[in-house]
Amino acid sequence: MEFPVDDSSEDLDELAGRLRRGDQEALAVLFARYRDRLWRMIDFRMDHRLTGRVDPDDVLQEAYLATADRMKGFDGNGSTPPFVWLRRMVLQTLTDLHRRHLGAQMRSAGREVVMEGCRYPQSTSASMAALFVAHLTSPSQAAVRAETLDRVEEAVAGMDPLDREVLALRHFEELDNCEVAQVLGIQQKAASIRYVRALKRLKTVLAQMPDLFGGDGDV
């Protein structure tokens, strides 16, 4: 399934209004408009154990079909921006795929974090850790990569769940502060404070791993 190229200059408010009225064409235009951002979210959130079975394009296609059947769920009072709603729908599809493919492994305690009615897979911690150590590519570095990955993942998983999500949304999904607040259902000021605090805490933790980051904790 190919999404149309979004060459529309149509105003977002008008597209949102059409979406609330169940306009399938508006849904297709919005999916095309936000495709790259949604793809990036899937690529970041997907459990590494699904590699080879499912790719982000598969998730996008399944999410689009599921969303087309649930358009009545779009916020009728206009308080939820289309991107935030579409991201929620795609995340739910990804969560369902995790359960479908990983089964009981996803039902163990602590595998998911519930926030604002959505379940965020703990694979977020693993994805963040993998990105932090992605620069370890030489043979000598590869020898300690697995151990380092475990250490970083443990540090990330030990963060407050909301702080970790704010960091993931801002630093890896590249959402702006307003979108983070909307996704998590908190005030923009609170989202900003959380992000600064989470970044500071993470840098403190990573600074304790001088063999990985040279002692400066840069992220």
C-alpha atoms as a PDB file:
ATOM      1  CA  MET A   1       0.000   0.000   0.000  1.00  0.00           C
ATOM      2  CA  GLU A   2       1.413   3.390  -1.009  1.00  0.00           C
ATOM      3  CA  PHE A   3       0.466   6.578   0.777  1.00  0.00           C
ATOM      4  CA  PRO A   4      -0.066   9.606  -1.480  1.00  0.00           C
ATOM      5  CA  VAL A   5       2.633  12.247  -1.590  1.00  0.00           C
ATOM      6  CA  ASP A   6       1.420  15.185   0.454  1.00  0.00           C
ATOM      7  CA  ASP A   7       1.564  18.081  -1.949  1.00  0.00           C
ATOM      8  CA  SER A   8      -1.511  19.642  -0.368  1.00  0.00           C
ATOM      9  CA  SER A   9      -1.350  23.173   0.983  1.00  0.00           C
ATOM     10  CA  GLU A  10      -4.646  22.645   2.759  1.00  0.00           C
ATOM     11  CA  ASP A  11      -4.828  24.218   6.193  1.00  0.00           C
ATOM     12  CA  LEU A  12      -4.328  21.819   9.088  1.00  0.00           C
ATOM     13  CA  ASP A  13      -7.459  23.035  10.871  1.00  0.00           C
ATOM     14  CA  GLU A  14      -9.555  22.273   7.809  1.00  0.00           C
ATOM     15  CA  LEU A  15      -8.012  18.810   7.487  1.00  0.00           C
ATOM     16  CA  ALA A  16      -8.713  18.201  11.172  1.00  0.00           C
ATOM     17  CA  GLY A  17     -12.327  19.223  10.661  1.00  0.00           C
ATOM     18  CA  ARG A  18     -12.673  16.850   7.734  1.00  0.00           C
ATOM     19  CA  LEU A  19     -11.079  14.097   9.804  1.00  0.00           C
ATOM     20  CA  ARG A  20     -13.683  14.617  12.538  1.00  0.00           C
ATOM     21  CA  ARG A  21     -16.367  14.239   9.880  1.00  0.00           C
ATOM     22  CA  GLY A  22     -14.906  10.872   8.854  1.00  0.00           C
ATOM     23  CA  ASP A  23     -13.315  12.009   5.592  1.00  0.00           C
ATOM     24  CA  GLN A  24     -11.046   9.169   4.435  1.00  0.00           C
ATOM     25  CA  GLU A  25      -9.211  11.410   1.978  1.00  0.00           C
ATOM     26  CA  ALA A  26      -8.250  13.787   4.798  1.00  0.00           C
ATOM     27  CA  LEU A  27      -6.880  10.814   6.733  1.00  0.00           C
ATOM     28  CA  ALA A  28      -4.742   9.799   3.749  1.00  0.00           C
ATOM     29  CA  VAL A  29      -3.399  13.338   3.357  1.00  0.00           C
ATOM     30  CA  LEU A  30      -2.528  13.592   7.060  1.00  0.00           C
ATOM     31  CA  PHE A  31      -0.847  10.178   7.056  1.00  0.00           C
ATOM     32  CA  ALA A  32       1.242  11.291   4.103  1.00  0.00           C
ATOM     33  CA  ARG A  33       2.055  14.590   5.794  1.00  0.00           C
ATOM     34  CA  TYR A  34       3.254  12.904   8.993  1.00  0.00           C
ATOM     35  CA  ARG A  35       4.587   9.681   7.521  1.00  0.00           C
ATOM     36  CA  ASP A  36       8.273  10.377   8.220  1.00  0.00           C
ATOM     37  CA  ARG A  37       7.622  11.342  11.832  1.00  0.00           C
ATOM     38  CA  LEU A  38       5.445   8.297  12.449  1.00  0.00           C
ATOM     39  CA  TRP A  39       8.027   6.040  10.777  1.00  0.00           C
ATOM     40  CA  ARG A  40      10.727   7.445  13.064  1.00  0.00           C
ATOM     41  CA  MET A  41       8.596   6.742  16.131  1.00  0.00           C
ATOM     42  CA  ILE A  42       8.038   3.136  15.052  1.00  0.00           C
ATOM     43  CA  ASP A  43      11.705   2.590  14.270  1.00  0.00           C
ATOM     44  CA  PHE A  44      12.648   3.897  17.708  1.00  0.00           C
ATOM     45  CA  ARG A  45       9.972   2.054  19.705  1.00  0.00           C
ATOM     46  CA  MET A  46      10.011  -1.330  18.003  1.00  0.00           C
ATOM     47  CA  ASP A  47      11.417  -4.210  20.046  1.00  0.00           C
ATOM     48  CA  HIS A  48      14.651  -5.491  18.482  1.00  0.00           C
ATOM     49  CA  ARG A  49      13.261  -9.028  18.650  1.00  0.00           C
ATOM     50  CA  LEU A  50      10.877  -8.130  15.826  1.00  0.00           C
ATOM     51  CA  THR A  51      13.741  -7.351  13.456  1.00  0.00           C
ATOM     52  CA  GLY A  52      13.327  -9.473  10.345  1.00  0.00           C
ATOM     53  CA  ARG A  53       9.662 -10.160  11.040  1.00  0.00           C
ATOM     54  CA  VAL A  54       8.171  -6.679  10.817  1.00  0.00           C
ATOM     55  CA  ASP A  55       9.449  -3.365   9.523  1.00  0.00           C
ATOM     56  CA  PRO A  56       8.141   0.179  10.135  1.00  0.00           C
ATOM     57  CA  ASP A  57       6.416   0.269   6.745  1.00  0.00           C
ATOM     58  CA  ASP A  58       4.394  -2.825   7.695  1.00  0.00           C
ATOM     59  CA  VAL A  59       3.340  -1.145  10.947  1.00  0.00           C
ATOM     60  CA  LEU A  60       2.356   2.047   9.134  1.00  0.00           C
ATOM     61  CA  GLN A  61       0.168   0.162   6.687  1.00  0.00           C
ATOM     62  CA  GLU A  62      -1.562  -1.813   9.435  1.00  0.00           C
ATOM     63  CA  ALA A  63      -1.988   1.334  11.525  1.00  0.00           C
ATOM     64  CA  TYR A  64      -3.518   3.212   8.623  1.00  0.00           C
ATOM     65  CA  LEU A  65      -6.141   0.517   8.065  1.00  0.00           C
ATOM     66  CA  ALA A  66      -6.902   0.320  11.787  1.00  0.00           C
ATOM     67  CA  THR A  67      -7.182   4.091  12.042  1.00  0.00           C
ATOM     68  CA  ALA A  68      -9.529   4.264   9.053  1.00  0.00           C
ATOM     69  CA  ASP A  69     -11.892   1.984  10.991  1.00  0.00           C
ATOM     70  CA  ARG A  70     -11.661   4.102  14.149  1.00  0.00           C
ATOM     71  CA  MET A  71     -12.016   7.633  12.840  1.00  0.00           C
ATOM     72  CA  LYS A  72     -14.964   8.281  15.144  1.00  0.00           C
ATOM     73  CA  GLY A  73     -12.441   8.146  17.972  1.00  0.00           C
ATOM     74  CA  PHE A  74     -10.807  11.378  16.857  1.00  0.00           C
ATOM     75  CA  ASP A  75     -11.334  14.143  19.406  1.00  0.00           C
ATOM     76  CA  GLY A  76     -14.515  15.892  18.345  1.00  0.00           C
ATOM     77  CA  ASN A  77     -13.906  19.082  20.335  1.00  0.00           C
ATOM     78  CA  GLY A  78     -10.691  19.938  18.525  1.00  0.00           C
ATOM     79  CA  SER A  79      -8.372  19.785  21.554  1.00  0.00           C
ATOM     80  CA  THR A  80      -6.231  16.960  20.172  1.00  0.00           C
ATOM     81  CA  PRO A  81      -4.039  17.826  17.150  1.00  0.00           C
ATOM     82  CA  PRO A  82      -4.190  15.316  14.271  1.00  0.00           C
ATOM     83  CA  PHE A  83      -0.517  14.342  14.646  1.00  0.00           C
ATOM     84  CA  VAL A  84      -0.901  13.507  18.340  1.00  0.00           C
ATOM     85  CA  TRP A  85      -3.967  11.376  17.615  1.00  0.00           C
ATOM     86  CA  LEU A  86      -2.360   9.594  14.651  1.00  0.00           C
ATOM     87  CA  ARG A  87       0.764   8.903  16.707  1.00  0.00           C
ATOM     88  CA  ARG A  88      -1.436   7.365  19.417  1.00  0.00           C
ATOM     89  CA  MET A  89      -3.157   5.124  16.870  1.00  0.00           C
ATOM     90  CA  VAL A  90       0.166   3.997  15.368  1.00  0.00           C
ATOM     91  CA  LEU A  91       1.611   3.341  18.825  1.00  0.00           C
ATOM     92  CA  GLN A  92      -1.399   1.179  19.690  1.00  0.00           C
ATOM     93  CA  THR A  93      -0.872  -0.833  16.502  1.00  0.00           C
ATOM     94  CA  LEU A  94       2.797  -1.296  17.391  1.00  0.00           C
ATOM     95  CA  THR A  95       1.877  -2.428  20.900  1.00  0.00           C
ATOM     96  CA  ASP A  96      -0.598  -4.939  19.453  1.00  0.00           C
ATOM     97  CA  LEU A  97       2.122  -6.254  17.118  1.00  0.00           C
ATOM     98  CA  HIS A  98       4.496  -6.676  20.051  1.00  0.00           C
ATOM     99  CA  ARG A  99       1.897  -8.758  21.865  1.00  0.00           C
ATOM    100  CA  ARG A 100       1.037 -10.760  18.773  1.00  0.00           C
ATOM    101  CA  HIS A 101       4.627 -11.684  17.930  1.00  0.00           C
ATOM    102  CA  LEU A 102       6.205 -11.863  21.378  1.00  0.00           C
ATOM    103  CA  GLY A 103       3.259 -13.336  23.274  1.00  0.00           C
ATOM    104  CA  ALA A 104       3.951 -14.199  26.894  1.00  0.00           C
ATOM    105  CA  GLN A 105       7.278 -12.359  26.782  1.00  0.00           C
ATOM    106  CA  MET A 106       5.329  -9.095  26.672  1.00  0.00           C
ATOM    107  CA  ARG A 107       3.022 -10.051  29.535  1.00  0.00           C
ATOM    108  CA  SER A 108       5.718 -10.393  32.156  1.00  0.00           C
ATOM    109  CA  ALA A 109       5.779  -7.791  34.924  1.00  0.00           C
ATOM    110  CA  GLY A 110       7.334  -4.512  33.948  1.00  0.00           C
ATOM    111  CA  ARG A 111       7.290  -5.051  30.210  1.00  0.00           C
ATOM    112  CA  GLU A 112       4.977  -2.089  29.631  1.00  0.00           C
ATOM    113  CA  VAL A 113       4.437   1.323  31.192  1.00  0.00           C
ATOM    114  CA  VAL A 114       0.902   2.718  31.177  1.00  0.00           C
ATOM    115  CA  MET A 115       0.666   6.452  30.559  1.00  0.00           C
ATOM    116  CA  GLU A 116      -2.310   8.554  29.440  1.00  0.00           C
ATOM    117  CA  GLY A 117      -4.245   5.463  28.383  1.00  0.00           C
ATOM    118  CA  CYS A 118      -1.386   4.163  26.202  1.00  0.00           C
ATOM    119  CA  ARG A 119       1.011   1.339  26.903  1.00  0.00           C
ATOM    120  CA  TYR A 120       4.629   2.158  26.187  1.00  0.00           C
ATOM    121  CA  PRO A 121       6.762  -0.976  25.691  1.00  0.00           C
ATOM    122  CA  GLN A 122       9.847  -1.193  27.838  1.00  0.00           C
ATOM    123  CA  SER A 123      11.754  -1.625  24.581  1.00  0.00           C
ATOM    124  CA  THR A 124      12.009   2.180  24.746  1.00  0.00           C
ATOM    125  CA  SER A 125      14.805   1.762  27.287  1.00  0.00           C
ATOM    126  CA  ALA A 126      16.595  -0.712  25.053  1.00  0.00           C
ATOM    127  CA  SER A 127      16.250   1.572  22.033  1.00  0.00           C
ATOM    128  CA  MET A 128      17.655   4.537  23.925  1.00  0.00           C
ATOM    129  CA  ALA A 129      20.569   2.472  25.205  1.00  0.00           C
ATOM    130  CA  ALA A 130      21.339   1.158  21.721  1.00  0.00           C
ATOM    131  CA  LEU A 131      21.459   4.668  20.313  1.00  0.00           C
ATOM    132  CA  PHE A 132      23.739   5.862  23.098  1.00  0.00           C
ATOM    133  CA  VAL A 133      26.316   3.124  22.377  1.00  0.00           C
ATOM    134  CA  ALA A 134      25.913   3.055  18.597  1.00  0.00           C
ATOM    135  CA  HIS A 135      29.361   4.611  18.129  1.00  0.00           C
ATOM    136  CA  LEU A 136      31.105   1.531  19.541  1.00  0.00           C
ATOM    137  CA  THR A 137      32.110  -0.068  16.248  1.00  0.00           C
ATOM    138  CA  SER A 138      35.777  -1.053  16.420  1.00  0.00           C
ATOM    139  CA  PRO A 139      36.710  -4.698  17.201  1.00  0.00           C
ATOM    140  CA  SER A 140      38.030  -3.789  20.642  1.00  0.00           C
ATOM    141  CA  GLN A 141      34.929  -1.758  21.418  1.00  0.00           C
ATOM    142  CA  ALA A 142      32.647  -4.490  20.108  1.00  0.00           C
ATOM    143  CA  ALA A 143      34.079  -6.828  22.734  1.00  0.00           C
ATOM    144  CA  VAL A 144      32.531  -4.764  25.523  1.00  0.00           C
ATOM    145  CA  ARG A 145      29.509  -3.545  23.576  1.00  0.00           C
ATOM    146  CA  ALA A 146      27.037  -6.082  24.999  1.00  0.00           C
ATOM    147  CA  GLU A 147      28.109  -5.416  28.586  1.00  0.00           C
ATOM    148  CA  THR A 148      28.012  -1.661  28.036  1.00  0.00           C
ATOM    149  CA  LEU A 149      24.580  -1.898  26.430  1.00  0.00           C
ATOM    150  CA  ASP A 150      23.245  -3.747  29.473  1.00  0.00           C
ATOM    151  CA  ARG A 151      24.689  -1.102  31.810  1.00  0.00           C
ATOM    152  CA  VAL A 152      23.208   1.803  29.874  1.00  0.00           C
ATOM    153  CA  GLU A 153      19.835   0.104  29.472  1.00  0.00           C
ATOM    154  CA  GLU A 154      19.707  -0.553  33.212  1.00  0.00           C
ATOM    155  CA  ALA A 155      20.503   3.107  33.891  1.00  0.00           C
ATOM    156  CA  VAL A 156      17.807   4.322  31.495  1.00  0.00           C
ATOM    157  CA  ALA A 157      15.232   1.846  32.818  1.00  0.00           C
ATOM    158  CA  GLY A 158      15.928   3.092  36.336  1.00  0.00           C
ATOM    159  CA  MET A 159      14.757   6.596  35.510  1.00  0.00           C
ATOM    160  CA  ASP A 160      11.324   7.848  36.478  1.00  0.00           C
ATOM    161  CA  PRO A 161       8.982   6.527  33.731  1.00  0.00           C
ATOM    162  CA  LEU A 162       7.569   9.955  32.918  1.00  0.00           C
ATOM    163  CA  ASP A 163      11.021  11.545  32.805  1.00  0.00           C
ATOM    164  CA  ARG A 164      12.206   8.765  30.497  1.00  0.00           C
ATOM    165  CA  GLU A 165       9.246   9.282  28.188  1.00  0.00           C
ATOM    166  CA  VAL A 166       9.774  13.038  28.044  1.00  0.00           C
ATOM    167  CA  LEU A 167      13.421  12.427  27.145  1.00  0.00           C
ATOM    168  CA  ALA A 168      12.494   9.850  24.506  1.00  0.00           C
ATOM    169  CA  LEU A 169       9.860  12.090  22.934  1.00  0.00           C
ATOM    170  CA  ARG A 170      12.059  15.190  22.817  1.00  0.00           C
ATOM    171  CA  HIS A 171      15.494  13.689  22.206  1.00  0.00           C
ATOM    172  CA  PHE A 172      14.704  10.748  19.930  1.00  0.00           C
ATOM    173  CA  GLU A 173      11.251  11.249  18.401  1.00  0.00           C
ATOM    174  CA  GLU A 174      12.030  14.958  18.046  1.00  0.00           C
ATOM    175  CA  LEU A 175       8.636  16.209  19.236  1.00  0.00           C
ATOM    176  CA  ASP A 176       8.468  19.816  20.347  1.00  0.00           C
ATOM    177  CA  ASN A 177       7.586  20.764  23.907  1.00  0.00           C
ATOM    178  CA  CYS A 178       3.942  21.468  23.066  1.00  0.00           C
ATOM    179  CA  GLU A 179       3.517  18.052  21.421  1.00  0.00           C
ATOM    180  CA  VAL A 180       5.180  16.307  24.368  1.00  0.00           C
ATOM    181  CA  ALA A 181       2.732  17.974  26.741  1.00  0.00           C
ATOM    182  CA  GLN A 182      -0.202  16.918  24.552  1.00  0.00           C
ATOM    183  CA  VAL A 183       1.022  13.328  24.215  1.00  0.00           C
ATOM    184  CA  LEU A 184       1.538  12.911  27.967  1.00  0.00           C
ATOM    185  CA  GLY A 185      -1.400  15.008  29.125  1.00  0.00           C
ATOM    186  CA  ILE A 186       0.663  17.470  31.164  1.00  0.00           C
ATOM    187  CA  GLN A 187       1.211  21.226  31.075  1.00  0.00           C
ATOM    188  CA  GLN A 188       3.824  22.621  28.692  1.00  0.00           C
ATOM    189  CA  LYS A 189       5.780  24.129  31.581  1.00  0.00           C
ATOM    190  CA  ALA A 190       5.799  20.769  33.348  1.00  0.00           C
ATOM    191  CA  ALA A 191       6.990  19.051  30.169  1.00  0.00           C
ATOM    192  CA  SER A 192       9.840  21.545  29.829  1.00  0.00           C
ATOM    193  CA  ILE A 193      10.897  21.133  33.460  1.00  0.00           C
ATOM    194  CA  ARG A 194      10.731  17.353  33.152  1.00  0.00           C
ATOM    195  CA  TYR A 195      12.912  17.372  30.052  1.00  0.00           C
ATOM    196  CA  VAL A 196      15.645  19.527  31.600  1.00  0.00           C
ATOM    197  CA  ARG A 197      15.594  17.432  34.772  1.00  0.00           C
ATOM    198  CA  ALA A 198      15.652  14.127  32.905  1.00  0.00           C
ATOM    199  CA  LEU A 199      18.542  15.251  30.713  1.00  0.00           C
ATOM    200  CA  LYS A 200      20.524  16.338  33.751  1.00  0.00           C
ATOM    201  CA  ARG A 201      19.895  13.050  35.559  1.00  0.00           C
ATOM    202  CA  LEU A 202      20.820  10.994  32.519  1.00  0.00           C
ATOM    203  CA  LYS A 203      24.057  12.914  32.023  1.00  0.00           C
ATOM    204  CA  THR A 204      24.930  12.303  35.677  1.00  0.00           C
ATOM    205  CA  VAL A 205      24.374   8.572  35.279  1.00  0.00           C
ATOM    206  CA  LEU A 206      26.304   8.310  32.010  1.00  0.00           C
ATOM    207  CA  ALA A 207      29.176  10.365  33.415  1.00  0.00           C
ATOM    208  CA  GLN A 208      29.803   7.438  35.760  1.00  0.00           C
ATOM    209  CA  MET A 209      30.754   5.372  32.694  1.00  0.00           C
ATOM    210  CA  PRO A 210      34.027   7.038  31.610  1.00  0.00           C
ATOM    211  CA  ASP A 211      34.984   4.055  29.458  1.00  0.00           C
ATOM    212  CA  LEU A 212      31.935   4.819  27.303  1.00  0.00           C
ATOM    213  CA  PHE A 213      31.604   8.594  27.323  1.00  0.00           C
ATOM    214  CA  GLY A 214      34.981   9.859  28.438  1.00  0.00           C
ATOM    215  CA  GLY A 215      33.533  10.997  31.731  1.00  0.00           C
ATOM    216  CA  ASP A 216      31.556  13.961  30.343  1.00  0.00           C
ATOM    217  CA  GLY A 217      28.185  12.205  29.972  1.00  0.00           C
ATOM    218  CA  ASP A 218      27.372  13.930  26.683  1.00  0.00           C
ATOM    219  CA  VAL A 219      24.200  12.610  25.085  1.00  0.00           C
END
